[in-house]
Amino acid sequence: MASNWSLCGVCENLQITKSSVVWCSECGEGLCGDCKEHHSISKGTTSHETVAIDEYKNVTDGSLANRANGCLIFCAREKGMKKISLSDESITNVINNKLSTLAYVTTFGDKLFYTNYTDDSVTCCNYHGNILWKFCDTSVLKSPFGISVDHDGNVFVVGRLTHNVVVISPDGQRCRQLF
């Protein structure tokens, strides 16, 4: 279901229209002032970090991909990966699978690349969530943390536990360790 990120998702479900003041990536929705307060004290969501909507619009954190194809791509943790349209602010699902709280995402052309800290993998998929390839080689990459792609489609990933940077070929078949 698509929703408008500038409106409070909880209030929208109650057929009330209120502007969001914060965004919760773990919940994958915006929250108004009242819902933000409840969200911060509720047992199930007290550990969720939120970001002010004004800051969220300009986020450059690894959990958001660069603006691509008129949209922003972001990891919504338990709710998978989502896409925000910059034209109408609607939110749609890209991937429904639960993602790690330390997942990072980037884009290149018509491809998305994201890390999975828990299974030491890097996945390439299209904007519909269809997996094109998955790289997992713990002899060179453990706990992938940051991710970037150069203009040739080579994927650069930081290995947190391997203390290195690995370059993965555009087809996901080859890799080499930079340092």
N, C-alpha and C. Protein backbone atom coordinates (compact mmCIF):
# COMPACT_ATOMS: atom_id res chain seq x y z
N MET A 1 0.84 -1.18 0.00
CA MET A 1 0.00 0.00 0.00
C MET A 1 0.88 1.24 0.00
N ALA A 2 0.60 2.18 -0.86
CA ALA A 2 1.37 3.41 -0.92
C ALA A 2 0.78 4.42 0.07
N SER A 3 1.65 5.22 0.67
CA SER A 3 1.18 6.27 1.55
C SER A 3 2.03 7.51 1.31
N ASN A 4 1.52 8.66 1.72
CA ASN A 4 2.21 9.91 1.54
C ASN A 4 3.10 10.13 2.75
N TRP A 5 4.42 10.20 2.56
CA TRP A 5 5.34 10.31 3.70
C TRP A 5 5.24 11.63 4.42
N SER A 6 4.63 12.64 3.82
CA SER A 6 4.51 13.92 4.50
C SER A 6 3.30 13.94 5.46
N LEU A 7 2.49 12.87 5.41
CA LEU A 7 1.35 12.75 6.32
C LEU A 7 1.61 11.66 7.35
N CYS A 8 1.04 11.82 8.52
CA CYS A 8 1.18 10.83 9.60
C CYS A 8 0.49 9.53 9.18
N GLY A 9 1.26 8.45 9.16
CA GLY A 9 0.73 7.15 8.75
C GLY A 9 -0.31 6.60 9.71
N VAL A 10 -0.10 6.81 11.01
CA VAL A 10 -1.05 6.32 12.01
C VAL A 10 -2.38 7.05 11.85
N CYS A 11 -2.32 8.37 11.74
CA CYS A 11 -3.55 9.15 11.58
C CYS A 11 -4.24 8.82 10.26
N GLU A 12 -3.48 8.60 9.21
CA GLU A 12 -4.06 8.22 7.92
C GLU A 12 -4.90 6.96 8.06
N ASN A 13 -4.39 5.98 8.83
CA ASN A 13 -5.14 4.74 9.05
C ASN A 13 -6.45 4.98 9.79
N LEU A 14 -6.51 6.09 10.53
CA LEU A 14 -7.74 6.46 11.26
C LEU A 14 -8.59 7.45 10.47
N GLN A 15 -8.23 7.66 9.17
CA GLN A 15 -8.95 8.58 8.30
C GLN A 15 -8.82 10.04 8.77
N ILE A 16 -7.68 10.36 9.42
CA ILE A 16 -7.39 11.72 9.88
C ILE A 16 -6.19 12.22 9.09
N THR A 17 -6.21 13.47 8.69
CA THR A 17 -5.10 14.03 7.93
C THR A 17 -4.30 14.99 8.82
N LYS A 18 -3.08 14.57 9.15
CA LYS A 18 -2.16 15.41 9.92
C LYS A 18 -0.79 15.32 9.28
N SER A 19 -0.07 16.42 9.29
CA SER A 19 1.28 16.43 8.72
C SER A 19 2.26 15.71 9.64
N SER A 20 3.22 15.02 9.01
CA SER A 20 4.29 14.36 9.77
C SER A 20 5.28 15.39 10.25
N VAL A 21 5.81 15.17 11.44
CA VAL A 21 6.90 16.00 11.95
C VAL A 21 8.19 15.20 12.01
N VAL A 22 8.07 13.86 12.07
CA VAL A 22 9.24 12.97 12.07
C VAL A 22 8.97 11.77 11.18
N TRP A 23 10.06 11.10 10.78
CA TRP A 23 9.99 9.87 10.01
C TRP A 23 10.65 8.76 10.82
N CYS A 24 10.01 7.59 10.90
CA CYS A 24 10.59 6.41 11.54
C CYS A 24 10.89 5.40 10.44
N SER A 25 12.18 5.16 10.19
CA SER A 25 12.57 4.20 9.15
C SER A 25 12.18 2.78 9.51
N GLU A 26 12.20 2.46 10.81
CA GLU A 26 11.84 1.10 11.21
C GLU A 26 10.37 0.82 10.98
N CYS A 27 9.53 1.80 11.19
CA CYS A 27 8.09 1.64 10.93
C CYS A 27 7.75 1.92 9.47
N GLY A 28 8.61 2.69 8.81
CA GLY A 28 8.36 3.03 7.42
C GLY A 28 7.24 4.02 7.24
N GLU A 29 7.08 4.95 8.21
CA GLU A 29 6.03 5.95 8.08
C GLU A 29 6.36 7.21 8.86
N GLY A 30 5.69 8.29 8.45
CA GLY A 30 5.81 9.56 9.15
C GLY A 30 4.88 9.59 10.34
N LEU A 31 5.19 10.46 11.30
CA LEU A 31 4.38 10.58 12.51
C LEU A 31 4.14 12.05 12.82
N CYS A 32 2.90 12.37 13.22
CA CYS A 32 2.58 13.73 13.67
C CYS A 32 3.12 13.90 15.09
N GLY A 33 2.98 15.10 15.66
CA GLY A 33 3.49 15.36 17.01
C GLY A 33 2.90 14.44 18.06
N ASP A 34 1.58 14.23 18.02
CA ASP A 34 0.93 13.38 19.02
C ASP A 34 1.39 11.93 18.89
N CYS A 35 1.40 11.42 17.66
CA CYS A 35 1.80 10.03 17.44
C CYS A 35 3.29 9.83 17.74
N LYS A 36 4.10 10.87 17.47
CA LYS A 36 5.53 10.81 17.79
C LYS A 36 5.71 10.58 19.29
N GLU A 37 4.92 11.30 20.10
CA GLU A 37 5.02 11.17 21.55
C GLU A 37 4.67 9.75 21.99
N HIS A 38 3.59 9.20 21.48
CA HIS A 38 3.19 7.83 21.83
C HIS A 38 4.23 6.82 21.34
N HIS A 39 4.74 7.07 20.15
CA HIS A 39 5.75 6.20 19.53
C HIS A 39 7.01 6.12 20.41
N SER A 40 7.39 7.25 21.00
CA SER A 40 8.63 7.29 21.79
C SER A 40 8.50 6.63 23.16
N ILE A 41 7.27 6.40 23.62
CA ILE A 41 7.10 5.76 24.93
C ILE A 41 6.49 4.36 24.87
N SER A 42 6.01 3.96 23.70
CA SER A 42 5.42 2.63 23.54
C SER A 42 6.51 1.57 23.61
N LYS A 43 6.24 0.47 24.31
CA LYS A 43 7.22 -0.61 24.47
C LYS A 43 7.79 -1.10 23.15
N GLY A 44 6.95 -1.28 22.16
CA GLY A 44 7.38 -1.84 20.88
C GLY A 44 8.18 -0.90 20.01
N THR A 45 8.09 0.40 20.28
CA THR A 45 8.76 1.36 19.40
C THR A 45 9.69 2.32 20.13
N THR A 46 9.84 2.17 21.42
CA THR A 46 10.66 3.11 22.19
C THR A 46 12.12 3.16 21.73
N SER A 47 12.61 2.06 21.15
CA SER A 47 14.01 2.03 20.70
C SER A 47 14.18 2.54 19.26
N HIS A 48 13.08 2.83 18.58
CA HIS A 48 13.15 3.33 17.20
C HIS A 48 13.70 4.75 17.19
N GLU A 49 14.61 4.99 16.28
CA GLU A 49 15.13 6.34 16.10
C GLU A 49 14.32 7.03 15.01
N THR A 50 13.96 8.27 15.25
CA THR A 50 13.22 9.04 14.26
C THR A 50 14.07 10.22 13.81
N VAL A 51 13.71 10.76 12.67
CA VAL A 51 14.40 11.94 12.15
C VAL A 51 13.36 12.97 11.73
N ALA A 52 13.65 14.24 11.99
CA ALA A 52 12.72 15.30 11.63
C ALA A 52 12.46 15.25 10.12
N ILE A 53 11.22 15.49 9.73
CA ILE A 53 10.83 15.43 8.31
C ILE A 53 11.70 16.35 7.47
N ASP A 54 11.99 17.56 7.95
CA ASP A 54 12.83 18.49 7.20
C ASP A 54 14.22 17.91 6.95
N GLU A 55 14.77 17.23 7.96
CA GLU A 55 16.08 16.59 7.79
C GLU A 55 15.96 15.37 6.89
N TYR A 56 14.87 14.63 7.05
CA TYR A 56 14.67 13.41 6.27
C TYR A 56 14.64 13.70 4.77
N LYS A 57 14.08 14.84 4.40
CA LYS A 57 14.01 15.22 2.98
C LYS A 57 15.41 15.36 2.38
N ASN A 58 16.39 15.67 3.21
CA ASN A 58 17.74 15.92 2.72
C ASN A 58 18.75 14.86 3.18
N VAL A 59 18.27 13.71 3.64
CA VAL A 59 19.16 12.68 4.17
C VAL A 59 20.14 12.21 3.11
N THR A 60 21.40 12.06 3.53
CA THR A 60 22.43 11.50 2.65
C THR A 60 23.02 10.25 3.27
N ASP A 61 22.42 9.76 4.34
CA ASP A 61 22.84 8.55 5.03
C ASP A 61 22.78 7.35 4.09
N GLY A 62 23.55 6.32 4.39
CA GLY A 62 23.59 5.13 3.55
C GLY A 62 22.29 4.37 3.47
N SER A 63 21.37 4.61 4.40
CA SER A 63 20.11 3.89 4.34
C SER A 63 19.19 4.44 3.26
N LEU A 64 19.56 5.57 2.68
CA LEU A 64 18.81 6.13 1.55
C LEU A 64 19.70 6.13 0.33
N ALA A 65 19.20 5.69 -0.76
CA ALA A 65 19.97 5.75 -2.00
C ALA A 65 19.87 7.15 -2.58
N ASN A 66 20.74 7.48 -3.49
CA ASN A 66 20.68 8.77 -4.16
C ASN A 66 19.37 8.88 -4.92
N ARG A 67 19.00 10.10 -5.26
CA ARG A 67 17.81 10.30 -6.06
C ARG A 67 18.02 9.62 -7.41
N ALA A 68 17.12 8.74 -7.75
CA ALA A 68 17.24 7.99 -9.00
C ALA A 68 15.86 7.79 -9.60
N ASN A 69 15.76 8.00 -10.89
CA ASN A 69 14.50 7.80 -11.59
C ASN A 69 13.34 8.53 -10.91
N GLY A 70 13.59 9.72 -10.38
CA GLY A 70 12.53 10.51 -9.77
C GLY A 70 12.04 9.98 -8.44
N CYS A 71 12.89 9.23 -7.74
CA CYS A 71 12.47 8.68 -6.46
C CYS A 71 13.65 8.55 -5.50
N LEU A 72 13.35 8.34 -4.24
CA LEU A 72 14.34 8.00 -3.23
C LEU A 72 14.08 6.57 -2.80
N ILE A 73 15.15 5.80 -2.64
CA ILE A 73 15.03 4.42 -2.17
C ILE A 73 15.57 4.37 -0.75
N PHE A 74 14.86 3.69 0.15
CA PHE A 74 15.35 3.60 1.52
C PHE A 74 15.04 2.25 2.14
N CYS A 75 15.84 1.87 3.13
CA CYS A 75 15.63 0.63 3.87
C CYS A 75 14.70 0.94 5.04
N ALA A 76 13.60 0.22 5.11
CA ALA A 76 12.62 0.40 6.18
C ALA A 76 12.72 -0.74 7.18
N ARG A 77 13.89 -1.32 7.29
CA ARG A 77 14.21 -2.40 8.24
C ARG A 77 13.24 -3.57 8.10
N GLU A 78 12.38 -3.79 9.11
CA GLU A 78 11.47 -4.94 9.09
C GLU A 78 10.51 -4.92 7.91
N LYS A 79 10.26 -3.74 7.37
CA LYS A 79 9.29 -3.62 6.28
C LYS A 79 9.95 -3.66 4.91
N GLY A 80 11.24 -4.00 4.85
CA GLY A 80 11.93 -4.15 3.58
C GLY A 80 12.49 -2.87 3.02
N MET A 81 12.47 -2.76 1.70
CA MET A 81 12.98 -1.58 1.01
C MET A 81 11.81 -0.88 0.32
N LYS A 82 11.80 0.44 0.42
CA LYS A 82 10.69 1.20 -0.13
C LYS A 82 11.21 2.30 -1.05
N LYS A 83 10.28 2.80 -1.87
CA LYS A 83 10.59 3.85 -2.83
C LYS A 83 9.62 5.00 -2.63
N ILE A 84 10.16 6.23 -2.50
CA ILE A 84 9.33 7.43 -2.37
C ILE A 84 9.39 8.17 -3.70
N SER A 85 8.25 8.40 -4.28
CA SER A 85 8.17 9.19 -5.51
C SER A 85 8.36 10.66 -5.17
N LEU A 86 9.27 11.33 -5.87
CA LEU A 86 9.49 12.76 -5.61
C LEU A 86 8.40 13.62 -6.24
N SER A 87 7.64 13.06 -7.17
CA SER A 87 6.59 13.86 -7.81
C SER A 87 5.30 13.89 -6.99
N ASP A 88 4.88 12.75 -6.43
CA ASP A 88 3.62 12.75 -5.69
C ASP A 88 3.78 12.29 -4.23
N GLU A 89 5.02 12.04 -3.79
CA GLU A 89 5.35 11.66 -2.42
C GLU A 89 4.71 10.35 -1.97
N SER A 90 4.32 9.51 -2.94
CA SER A 90 3.76 8.21 -2.57
C SER A 90 4.89 7.24 -2.25
N ILE A 91 4.59 6.26 -1.40
CA ILE A 91 5.58 5.26 -0.99
C ILE A 91 5.10 3.90 -1.48
N THR A 92 5.99 3.18 -2.16
CA THR A 92 5.67 1.84 -2.63
C THR A 92 6.75 0.86 -2.19
N ASN A 93 6.39 -0.40 -2.09
CA ASN A 93 7.33 -1.45 -1.72
C ASN A 93 8.21 -1.82 -2.90
N VAL A 94 9.49 -2.03 -2.62
CA VAL A 94 10.41 -2.59 -3.61
C VAL A 94 10.71 -4.02 -3.21
N ILE A 95 11.04 -4.21 -1.94
CA ILE A 95 11.33 -5.54 -1.38
C ILE A 95 10.56 -5.66 -0.07
N ASN A 96 9.86 -6.76 0.12
CA ASN A 96 9.09 -6.95 1.34
C ASN A 96 9.86 -7.69 2.43
N ASN A 97 10.98 -8.32 2.07
CA ASN A 97 11.76 -9.08 3.05
C ASN A 97 12.33 -8.16 4.12
N LYS A 98 12.39 -8.66 5.35
CA LYS A 98 12.97 -7.93 6.46
C LYS A 98 14.45 -7.67 6.16
N LEU A 99 14.89 -6.44 6.32
CA LEU A 99 16.29 -6.08 6.12
C LEU A 99 16.95 -5.80 7.46
N SER A 100 18.24 -5.96 7.49
CA SER A 100 19.03 -5.70 8.69
C SER A 100 18.91 -4.24 9.08
N THR A 101 19.03 -3.95 10.37
CA THR A 101 19.02 -2.56 10.82
C THR A 101 20.27 -1.83 10.34
N LEU A 102 21.26 -2.57 9.88
CA LEU A 102 22.48 -1.96 9.36
C LEU A 102 22.58 -2.13 7.85
N ALA A 103 21.45 -2.17 7.16
CA ALA A 103 21.45 -2.30 5.71
C ALA A 103 21.75 -0.95 5.06
N TYR A 104 22.54 -0.98 4.01
CA TYR A 104 22.85 0.21 3.23
C TYR A 104 22.43 -0.04 1.79
N VAL A 105 22.05 1.02 1.09
CA VAL A 105 21.54 0.87 -0.27
C VAL A 105 22.12 1.96 -1.16
N THR A 106 22.34 1.61 -2.41
CA THR A 106 22.74 2.58 -3.43
C THR A 106 22.16 2.14 -4.76
N THR A 107 22.22 3.03 -5.75
CA THR A 107 21.67 2.73 -7.06
C THR A 107 22.69 2.96 -8.15
N PHE A 108 22.45 2.32 -9.29
CA PHE A 108 23.23 2.57 -10.50
C PHE A 108 22.35 2.20 -11.68
N GLY A 109 21.99 3.19 -12.48
CA GLY A 109 21.10 2.92 -13.61
C GLY A 109 19.78 2.34 -13.14
N ASP A 110 19.44 1.16 -13.66
CA ASP A 110 18.18 0.51 -13.29
C ASP A 110 18.36 -0.55 -12.22
N LYS A 111 19.47 -0.47 -11.46
CA LYS A 111 19.77 -1.48 -10.44
C LYS A 111 19.89 -0.86 -9.06
N LEU A 112 19.48 -1.64 -8.06
CA LEU A 112 19.66 -1.31 -6.65
C LEU A 112 20.66 -2.29 -6.06
N PHE A 113 21.50 -1.81 -5.17
CA PHE A 113 22.46 -2.66 -4.47
C PHE A 113 22.28 -2.43 -2.98
N TYR A 114 22.21 -3.51 -2.21
CA TYR A 114 22.07 -3.33 -0.77
C TYR A 114 22.86 -4.38 -0.01
N THR A 115 23.27 -4.00 1.20
CA THR A 115 24.08 -4.88 2.04
C THR A 115 23.19 -5.58 3.06
N ASN A 116 23.63 -6.75 3.49
CA ASN A 116 22.96 -7.46 4.58
C ASN A 116 24.05 -7.85 5.58
N TYR A 117 24.07 -7.13 6.66
CA TYR A 117 25.07 -7.29 7.71
C TYR A 117 24.99 -8.67 8.37
N THR A 118 23.77 -9.21 8.48
CA THR A 118 23.59 -10.47 9.21
C THR A 118 24.02 -11.71 8.43
N ASP A 119 23.93 -11.69 7.08
CA ASP A 119 24.38 -12.87 6.33
C ASP A 119 25.59 -12.56 5.44
N ASP A 120 26.25 -11.42 5.72
CA ASP A 120 27.50 -11.05 5.02
C ASP A 120 27.34 -11.00 3.51
N SER A 121 26.22 -10.45 3.03
CA SER A 121 25.98 -10.46 1.59
C SER A 121 25.74 -9.06 1.02
N VAL A 122 25.91 -8.98 -0.29
CA VAL A 122 25.56 -7.81 -1.07
C VAL A 122 24.62 -8.32 -2.16
N THR A 123 23.48 -7.67 -2.32
CA THR A 123 22.49 -8.10 -3.30
C THR A 123 22.25 -7.01 -4.33
N CYS A 124 22.09 -7.43 -5.57
CA CYS A 124 21.74 -6.53 -6.67
C CYS A 124 20.35 -6.94 -7.15
N CYS A 125 19.46 -5.96 -7.26
CA CYS A 125 18.11 -6.24 -7.77
C CYS A 125 17.65 -5.08 -8.65
N ASN A 126 16.53 -5.27 -9.32
CA ASN A 126 15.98 -4.17 -10.11
C ASN A 126 14.98 -3.40 -9.23
N TYR A 127 14.35 -2.37 -9.79
CA TYR A 127 13.43 -1.53 -9.02
C TYR A 127 12.13 -2.24 -8.65
N HIS A 128 11.93 -3.44 -9.18
CA HIS A 128 10.75 -4.23 -8.82
C HIS A 128 11.09 -5.27 -7.76
N GLY A 129 12.36 -5.29 -7.31
CA GLY A 129 12.78 -6.22 -6.27
C GLY A 129 13.25 -7.57 -6.77
N ASN A 130 13.29 -7.76 -8.09
CA ASN A 130 13.77 -9.03 -8.65
C ASN A 130 15.29 -9.11 -8.49
N ILE A 131 15.75 -10.15 -7.80
CA ILE A 131 17.18 -10.29 -7.53
C ILE A 131 17.92 -10.70 -8.81
N LEU A 132 18.96 -9.93 -9.13
CA LEU A 132 19.79 -10.20 -10.30
C LEU A 132 21.01 -11.02 -9.92
N TRP A 133 21.61 -10.73 -8.75
CA TRP A 133 22.69 -11.52 -8.21
C TRP A 133 22.88 -11.22 -6.72
N LYS A 134 23.53 -12.17 -6.06
CA LYS A 134 23.84 -12.00 -4.64
C LYS A 134 25.28 -12.45 -4.42
N PHE A 135 26.07 -11.59 -3.79
CA PHE A 135 27.48 -11.88 -3.52
C PHE A 135 27.63 -12.19 -2.04
N CYS A 136 28.26 -13.34 -1.74
CA CYS A 136 28.52 -13.72 -0.36
C CYS A 136 29.79 -14.57 -0.34
N ASP A 137 30.88 -13.99 0.12
CA ASP A 137 32.16 -14.69 0.24
C ASP A 137 32.83 -14.20 1.51
N THR A 138 32.63 -14.93 2.60
CA THR A 138 33.14 -14.49 3.90
C THR A 138 34.66 -14.57 4.02
N SER A 139 35.32 -15.16 3.03
CA SER A 139 36.79 -15.14 3.06
C SER A 139 37.33 -13.75 2.74
N VAL A 140 36.51 -12.91 2.08
CA VAL A 140 36.94 -11.54 1.76
C VAL A 140 36.04 -10.45 2.33
N LEU A 141 34.79 -10.78 2.67
CA LEU A 141 33.86 -9.76 3.13
C LEU A 141 32.98 -10.28 4.26
N LYS A 142 33.15 -9.67 5.43
CA LYS A 142 32.29 -9.97 6.58
C LYS A 142 31.69 -8.68 7.10
N SER A 143 30.41 -8.72 7.38
CA SER A 143 29.66 -7.57 7.89
C SER A 143 29.78 -6.35 6.99
N PRO A 144 29.23 -6.45 5.76
CA PRO A 144 29.27 -5.31 4.85
C PRO A 144 28.55 -4.11 5.45
N PHE A 145 29.21 -2.98 5.41
CA PHE A 145 28.69 -1.80 6.11
C PHE A 145 28.29 -0.69 5.15
N GLY A 146 29.21 -0.11 4.45
CA GLY A 146 28.90 0.94 3.49
C GLY A 146 28.94 0.40 2.08
N ILE A 147 28.28 1.09 1.15
CA ILE A 147 28.25 0.61 -0.24
C ILE A 147 28.18 1.81 -1.18
N SER A 148 28.87 1.67 -2.31
CA SER A 148 28.86 2.71 -3.34
C SER A 148 29.12 2.04 -4.68
N VAL A 149 28.75 2.71 -5.77
CA VAL A 149 28.96 2.17 -7.11
C VAL A 149 29.63 3.25 -7.95
N ASP A 150 30.66 2.85 -8.72
CA ASP A 150 31.31 3.84 -9.59
C ASP A 150 30.58 3.92 -10.92
N HIS A 151 31.05 4.80 -11.81
CA HIS A 151 30.35 5.03 -13.08
C HIS A 151 30.45 3.86 -14.06
N ASP A 152 31.25 2.84 -13.74
CA ASP A 152 31.32 1.63 -14.56
C ASP A 152 30.47 0.49 -14.00
N GLY A 153 29.82 0.72 -12.85
CA GLY A 153 28.98 -0.30 -12.24
C GLY A 153 29.69 -1.20 -11.25
N ASN A 154 30.98 -0.92 -10.95
CA ASN A 154 31.70 -1.68 -9.93
C ASN A 154 31.16 -1.29 -8.56
N VAL A 155 30.95 -2.29 -7.71
CA VAL A 155 30.34 -2.07 -6.41
C VAL A 155 31.45 -2.08 -5.34
N PHE A 156 31.55 -1.01 -4.57
CA PHE A 156 32.54 -0.89 -3.51
C PHE A 156 31.84 -1.09 -2.17
N VAL A 157 32.37 -2.02 -1.36
CA VAL A 157 31.73 -2.34 -0.09
C VAL A 157 32.78 -2.35 1.02
N VAL A 158 32.44 -1.77 2.16
CA VAL A 158 33.31 -1.79 3.32
C VAL A 158 32.98 -3.02 4.15
N GLY A 159 34.00 -3.83 4.46
CA GLY A 159 33.83 -4.97 5.34
C GLY A 159 34.19 -4.58 6.76
N ARG A 160 33.20 -4.48 7.63
CA ARG A 160 33.45 -4.02 9.00
C ARG A 160 34.33 -5.00 9.77
N LEU A 161 34.02 -6.28 9.70
CA LEU A 161 34.79 -7.27 10.47
C LEU A 161 36.04 -7.75 9.73
N THR A 162 36.09 -7.54 8.42
CA THR A 162 37.29 -7.90 7.66
C THR A 162 38.22 -6.70 7.50
N HIS A 163 37.78 -5.52 7.98
CA HIS A 163 38.61 -4.31 7.96
C HIS A 163 39.18 -4.04 6.57
N ASN A 164 38.29 -4.01 5.57
CA ASN A 164 38.76 -3.83 4.21
C ASN A 164 37.71 -3.16 3.33
N VAL A 165 38.11 -2.90 2.10
CA VAL A 165 37.18 -2.45 1.07
C VAL A 165 37.29 -3.45 -0.07
N VAL A 166 36.16 -3.96 -0.49
CA VAL A 166 36.10 -4.96 -1.56
C VAL A 166 35.38 -4.35 -2.76
N VAL A 167 35.90 -4.63 -3.95
CA VAL A 167 35.24 -4.20 -5.19
C VAL A 167 34.63 -5.44 -5.82
N ILE A 168 33.34 -5.37 -6.10
CA ILE A 168 32.62 -6.47 -6.74
C ILE A 168 32.30 -6.05 -8.18
N SER A 169 32.54 -6.96 -9.12
CA SER A 169 32.28 -6.66 -10.53
C SER A 169 30.80 -6.37 -10.76
N PRO A 170 30.46 -5.65 -11.83
CA PRO A 170 29.05 -5.30 -12.10
C PRO A 170 28.11 -6.50 -12.20
N ASP A 171 28.65 -7.68 -12.56
CA ASP A 171 27.79 -8.87 -12.66
C ASP A 171 27.80 -9.70 -11.37
N GLY A 172 28.56 -9.26 -10.35
CA GLY A 172 28.60 -9.96 -9.07
C GLY A 172 29.43 -11.23 -9.07
N GLN A 173 30.14 -11.52 -10.14
CA GLN A 173 30.87 -12.78 -10.28
C GLN A 173 32.31 -12.71 -9.77
N ARG A 174 32.91 -11.54 -9.77
CA ARG A 174 34.31 -11.41 -9.37
C ARG A 174 34.45 -10.33 -8.30
N CYS A 175 35.50 -10.45 -7.51
CA CYS A 175 35.78 -9.42 -6.52
C CYS A 175 37.29 -9.32 -6.32
N ARG A 176 37.69 -8.20 -5.76
CA ARG A 176 39.07 -8.06 -5.32
C ARG A 176 39.08 -7.13 -4.12
N GLN A 177 40.04 -7.37 -3.27
CA GLN A 177 40.18 -6.57 -2.06
C GLN A 177 41.10 -5.40 -2.36
N LEU A 178 40.66 -4.20 -2.04
CA LEU A 178 41.50 -3.01 -2.27
C LEU A 178 42.50 -2.84 -1.13
N PHE A 179 42.02 -2.91 0.08
CA PHE A 179 42.89 -2.82 1.27
C PHE A 179 42.14 -3.32 2.46
